[in-house]
Amino acid sequence: MTEEQGQHLVDQIKKNFKSAFVTRHTILIPSMPINEKDRHVLAAAVASNSEIIVTQNLKDFPPRLLEPLQIEALSADDFLVDRFSLYQETVIDVF
């Protein structure tokens, strides 16, 4: 992806999903109990009161470290299966 394409994507997300960007998480980054390169992801999840982090990088988000924060890491496949089981009609409509 070029820088221009990336900026276009960011602009579209900001326009259509106003609450998708978390900005008050940076102060939390140093205190996150996972490896340094992924702390920003967990900090954003905490700051946005997220219950789930969707990632293919599950090994770096161990349940024992996420449980105290009441956050679960799921693969994209598991997330979609979970959403389908909870909201079948909505997921079908989206697809």
N, C-alpha and C. Protein backbone atom coordinates (compact mmCIF):
# COMPACT_ATOMS: atom_id res chain seq x y z
N MET A 1 0.85 -1.16 0.00
CA MET A 1 0.00 0.00 0.00
C MET A 1 0.90 1.23 0.00
N THR A 2 0.58 2.16 -0.87
CA THR A 2 1.35 3.40 -0.90
C THR A 2 0.93 4.30 0.25
N GLU A 3 1.72 5.32 0.51
CA GLU A 3 1.37 6.26 1.57
C GLU A 3 0.05 6.96 1.24
N GLU A 4 -0.14 7.29 -0.02
CA GLU A 4 -1.38 7.94 -0.44
C GLU A 4 -2.59 7.03 -0.23
N GLN A 5 -2.44 5.75 -0.56
CA GLN A 5 -3.53 4.79 -0.35
C GLN A 5 -3.81 4.63 1.15
N GLY A 6 -2.76 4.59 1.94
CA GLY A 6 -2.92 4.47 3.38
C GLY A 6 -3.65 5.67 3.96
N GLN A 7 -3.29 6.85 3.52
CA GLN A 7 -3.95 8.05 4.00
C GLN A 7 -5.42 8.07 3.58
N HIS A 8 -5.69 7.62 2.37
CA HIS A 8 -7.09 7.54 1.90
C HIS A 8 -7.89 6.59 2.80
N LEU A 9 -7.30 5.46 3.13
CA LEU A 9 -7.97 4.49 4.01
C LEU A 9 -8.26 5.12 5.37
N VAL A 10 -7.25 5.78 5.95
CA VAL A 10 -7.43 6.43 7.25
C VAL A 10 -8.54 7.48 7.16
N ASP A 11 -8.52 8.27 6.11
CA ASP A 11 -9.55 9.31 5.94
C ASP A 11 -10.95 8.70 5.85
N GLN A 12 -11.09 7.60 5.13
CA GLN A 12 -12.39 6.94 5.00
C GLN A 12 -12.86 6.35 6.32
N ILE A 13 -11.94 5.77 7.07
CA ILE A 13 -12.31 5.21 8.38
C ILE A 13 -12.75 6.35 9.31
N LYS A 14 -11.99 7.43 9.33
CA LYS A 14 -12.36 8.57 10.18
C LYS A 14 -13.72 9.13 9.80
N LYS A 15 -13.99 9.18 8.51
CA LYS A 15 -15.26 9.73 8.02
C LYS A 15 -16.43 8.82 8.38
N ASN A 16 -16.26 7.52 8.21
CA ASN A 16 -17.37 6.58 8.36
C ASN A 16 -17.47 5.90 9.71
N PHE A 17 -16.39 5.90 10.46
CA PHE A 17 -16.36 5.25 11.78
C PHE A 17 -15.68 6.20 12.77
N LYS A 18 -16.36 7.26 13.09
CA LYS A 18 -15.76 8.33 13.90
C LYS A 18 -15.16 7.85 15.22
N SER A 19 -15.75 6.83 15.82
CA SER A 19 -15.23 6.35 17.11
C SER A 19 -14.16 5.28 16.96
N ALA A 20 -13.71 5.01 15.73
CA ALA A 20 -12.74 3.94 15.50
C ALA A 20 -11.32 4.33 15.87
N PHE A 21 -11.05 5.62 16.00
CA PHE A 21 -9.70 6.05 16.32
C PHE A 21 -9.59 6.40 17.79
N VAL A 22 -8.65 5.75 18.45
CA VAL A 22 -8.41 5.97 19.87
C VAL A 22 -7.18 6.86 19.99
N THR A 23 -7.30 7.92 20.75
CA THR A 23 -6.17 8.84 20.88
C THR A 23 -5.69 9.01 22.32
N ARG A 24 -6.46 8.56 23.30
CA ARG A 24 -6.09 8.77 24.70
C ARG A 24 -5.39 7.55 25.30
N HIS A 25 -4.75 6.76 24.48
CA HIS A 25 -4.16 5.52 24.96
C HIS A 25 -2.66 5.61 25.22
N THR A 26 -2.01 6.64 24.69
CA THR A 26 -0.55 6.67 24.74
C THR A 26 0.01 6.67 26.16
N ILE A 27 -0.68 7.29 27.08
CA ILE A 27 -0.21 7.32 28.47
C ILE A 27 -0.22 5.92 29.10
N LEU A 28 -1.06 5.03 28.56
CA LEU A 28 -1.18 3.67 29.10
C LEU A 28 -0.12 2.71 28.57
N ILE A 29 0.48 3.04 27.45
CA ILE A 29 1.38 2.10 26.76
C ILE A 29 2.46 1.53 27.67
N PRO A 30 3.20 2.34 28.41
CA PRO A 30 4.29 1.76 29.23
C PRO A 30 3.82 0.77 30.29
N SER A 31 2.57 0.87 30.72
CA SER A 31 2.10 0.00 31.80
C SER A 31 1.46 -1.30 31.32
N MET A 32 1.39 -1.50 30.02
CA MET A 32 0.76 -2.72 29.51
C MET A 32 1.66 -3.93 29.74
N PRO A 33 1.06 -5.04 30.20
CA PRO A 33 1.85 -6.19 30.65
C PRO A 33 2.26 -7.17 29.55
N ILE A 34 2.34 -6.71 28.30
CA ILE A 34 2.76 -7.60 27.21
C ILE A 34 4.02 -7.05 26.58
N ASN A 35 4.52 -7.74 25.55
CA ASN A 35 5.79 -7.33 24.96
C ASN A 35 5.71 -5.91 24.39
N GLU A 36 6.83 -5.25 24.35
CA GLU A 36 6.89 -3.83 24.02
C GLU A 36 6.30 -3.49 22.66
N LYS A 37 6.51 -4.33 21.66
CA LYS A 37 6.04 -3.99 20.32
C LYS A 37 4.53 -4.07 20.16
N ASP A 38 3.82 -4.68 21.10
CA ASP A 38 2.37 -4.81 21.01
C ASP A 38 1.63 -4.02 22.09
N ARG A 39 2.34 -3.34 22.92
CA ARG A 39 1.70 -2.61 24.03
C ARG A 39 0.71 -1.56 23.55
N HIS A 40 1.02 -0.91 22.43
CA HIS A 40 0.12 0.13 21.93
C HIS A 40 -1.26 -0.44 21.57
N VAL A 41 -1.29 -1.68 21.09
CA VAL A 41 -2.56 -2.32 20.72
C VAL A 41 -3.40 -2.56 21.97
N LEU A 42 -2.78 -3.11 22.99
CA LEU A 42 -3.49 -3.38 24.23
C LEU A 42 -3.91 -2.07 24.91
N ALA A 43 -3.06 -1.07 24.87
CA ALA A 43 -3.40 0.23 25.46
C ALA A 43 -4.62 0.84 24.76
N ALA A 44 -4.68 0.73 23.44
CA ALA A 44 -5.84 1.24 22.70
C ALA A 44 -7.10 0.47 23.07
N ALA A 45 -6.97 -0.83 23.26
CA ALA A 45 -8.13 -1.64 23.67
C ALA A 45 -8.62 -1.22 25.05
N VAL A 46 -7.70 -1.02 25.97
CA VAL A 46 -8.07 -0.59 27.32
C VAL A 46 -8.73 0.79 27.28
N ALA A 47 -8.12 1.73 26.57
CA ALA A 47 -8.64 3.10 26.50
C ALA A 47 -10.03 3.17 25.86
N SER A 48 -10.32 2.25 24.97
CA SER A 48 -11.61 2.27 24.28
C SER A 48 -12.63 1.32 24.91
N ASN A 49 -12.26 0.73 26.04
CA ASN A 49 -13.13 -0.22 26.74
C ASN A 49 -13.53 -1.40 25.86
N SER A 50 -12.61 -1.84 25.03
CA SER A 50 -12.85 -2.99 24.17
C SER A 50 -12.80 -4.28 24.97
N GLU A 51 -13.58 -5.24 24.55
CA GLU A 51 -13.58 -6.55 25.18
C GLU A 51 -12.77 -7.56 24.38
N ILE A 52 -12.51 -7.23 23.11
CA ILE A 52 -11.85 -8.17 22.21
C ILE A 52 -10.79 -7.44 21.39
N ILE A 53 -9.64 -8.10 21.22
CA ILE A 53 -8.62 -7.68 20.26
C ILE A 53 -8.63 -8.75 19.17
N VAL A 54 -8.80 -8.34 17.93
CA VAL A 54 -8.79 -9.28 16.81
C VAL A 54 -7.39 -9.23 16.19
N THR A 55 -6.71 -10.38 16.22
CA THR A 55 -5.33 -10.44 15.74
C THR A 55 -4.98 -11.86 15.32
N GLN A 56 -4.08 -11.97 14.38
CA GLN A 56 -3.53 -13.28 14.04
C GLN A 56 -2.29 -13.56 14.90
N ASN A 57 -1.91 -12.59 15.69
CA ASN A 57 -0.72 -12.66 16.52
C ASN A 57 -1.09 -13.06 17.95
N LEU A 58 -1.80 -14.15 18.10
CA LEU A 58 -2.32 -14.56 19.41
C LEU A 58 -1.23 -14.88 20.43
N LYS A 59 -0.09 -15.35 19.96
CA LYS A 59 0.96 -15.74 20.90
C LYS A 59 1.48 -14.55 21.72
N ASP A 60 1.35 -13.35 21.18
CA ASP A 60 1.82 -12.17 21.91
C ASP A 60 0.75 -11.52 22.78
N PHE A 61 -0.44 -12.14 22.82
CA PHE A 61 -1.53 -11.65 23.66
C PHE A 61 -2.05 -12.80 24.52
N PRO A 62 -1.22 -13.29 25.45
CA PRO A 62 -1.61 -14.46 26.26
C PRO A 62 -2.80 -14.17 27.18
N PRO A 63 -3.74 -15.09 27.24
CA PRO A 63 -4.94 -14.90 28.08
C PRO A 63 -4.61 -14.54 29.52
N ARG A 64 -3.58 -15.13 30.09
CA ARG A 64 -3.26 -14.87 31.50
C ARG A 64 -2.91 -13.40 31.75
N LEU A 65 -2.40 -12.71 30.73
CA LEU A 65 -2.08 -11.29 30.88
C LEU A 65 -3.25 -10.37 30.53
N LEU A 66 -4.17 -10.89 29.70
CA LEU A 66 -5.32 -10.09 29.28
C LEU A 66 -6.50 -10.21 30.24
N GLU A 67 -6.62 -11.35 30.90
CA GLU A 67 -7.77 -11.59 31.79
C GLU A 67 -7.97 -10.50 32.85
N PRO A 68 -6.92 -10.04 33.53
CA PRO A 68 -7.14 -8.98 34.53
C PRO A 68 -7.71 -7.69 33.93
N LEU A 69 -7.50 -7.51 32.62
CA LEU A 69 -8.00 -6.32 31.93
C LEU A 69 -9.37 -6.58 31.29
N GLN A 70 -9.87 -7.80 31.45
CA GLN A 70 -11.15 -8.23 30.89
C GLN A 70 -11.18 -8.05 29.38
N ILE A 71 -10.08 -8.46 28.73
CA ILE A 71 -9.95 -8.40 27.28
C ILE A 71 -9.55 -9.78 26.79
N GLU A 72 -10.09 -10.16 25.65
CA GLU A 72 -9.79 -11.46 25.04
C GLU A 72 -9.21 -11.20 23.66
N ALA A 73 -8.20 -11.97 23.29
CA ALA A 73 -7.64 -11.90 21.94
C ALA A 73 -8.21 -13.06 21.13
N LEU A 74 -8.72 -12.74 19.94
CA LEU A 74 -9.29 -13.74 19.05
C LEU A 74 -8.69 -13.60 17.67
N SER A 75 -8.53 -14.73 16.98
CA SER A 75 -8.15 -14.66 15.57
C SER A 75 -9.32 -14.10 14.78
N ALA A 76 -9.07 -13.63 13.59
CA ALA A 76 -10.15 -13.10 12.75
C ALA A 76 -11.20 -14.17 12.49
N ASP A 77 -10.76 -15.39 12.24
CA ASP A 77 -11.71 -16.49 11.99
C ASP A 77 -12.59 -16.73 13.21
N ASP A 78 -11.98 -16.82 14.38
CA ASP A 78 -12.76 -17.06 15.60
C ASP A 78 -13.69 -15.90 15.90
N PHE A 79 -13.24 -14.69 15.62
CA PHE A 79 -14.09 -13.52 15.84
C PHE A 79 -15.33 -13.59 14.94
N LEU A 80 -15.14 -13.90 13.68
CA LEU A 80 -16.27 -13.99 12.75
C LEU A 80 -17.23 -15.11 13.13
N VAL A 81 -16.70 -16.24 13.54
CA VAL A 81 -17.55 -17.35 13.98
C VAL A 81 -18.34 -16.93 15.22
N ASP A 82 -17.68 -16.27 16.15
CA ASP A 82 -18.34 -15.79 17.36
C ASP A 82 -19.45 -14.79 17.01
N ARG A 83 -19.15 -13.83 16.17
CA ARG A 83 -20.17 -12.84 15.77
C ARG A 83 -21.33 -13.52 15.05
N PHE A 84 -21.02 -14.50 14.20
CA PHE A 84 -22.06 -15.22 13.48
C PHE A 84 -22.98 -15.96 14.45
N SER A 85 -22.39 -16.58 15.45
CA SER A 85 -23.22 -17.32 16.41
C SER A 85 -24.11 -16.39 17.23
N LEU A 86 -23.67 -15.15 17.44
CA LEU A 86 -24.44 -14.19 18.23
C LEU A 86 -25.41 -13.36 17.38
N TYR A 87 -25.00 -13.05 16.17
CA TYR A 87 -25.77 -12.10 15.34
C TYR A 87 -25.88 -12.63 13.90
N GLN A 88 -26.43 -13.81 13.75
CA GLN A 88 -26.45 -14.49 12.46
C GLN A 88 -27.05 -13.62 11.34
N GLU A 89 -28.20 -13.06 11.56
CA GLU A 89 -28.87 -12.28 10.52
C GLU A 89 -28.04 -11.05 10.13
N THR A 90 -27.50 -10.37 11.09
CA THR A 90 -26.69 -9.17 10.81
C THR A 90 -25.46 -9.53 10.01
N VAL A 91 -24.78 -10.61 10.41
CA VAL A 91 -23.56 -11.02 9.69
C VAL A 91 -23.91 -11.40 8.25
N ILE A 92 -24.99 -12.10 8.06
CA ILE A 92 -25.42 -12.48 6.71
C ILE A 92 -25.70 -11.22 5.89
N ASP A 93 -26.39 -10.25 6.49
CA ASP A 93 -26.69 -9.00 5.79
C ASP A 93 -25.41 -8.26 5.39
N VAL A 94 -24.42 -8.25 6.28
CA VAL A 94 -23.16 -7.57 5.98
C VAL A 94 -22.44 -8.25 4.83
N PHE A 95 -22.43 -9.58 4.85
CA PHE A 95 -21.76 -10.30 3.77
C PHE A 95 -22.57 -10.22 2.50
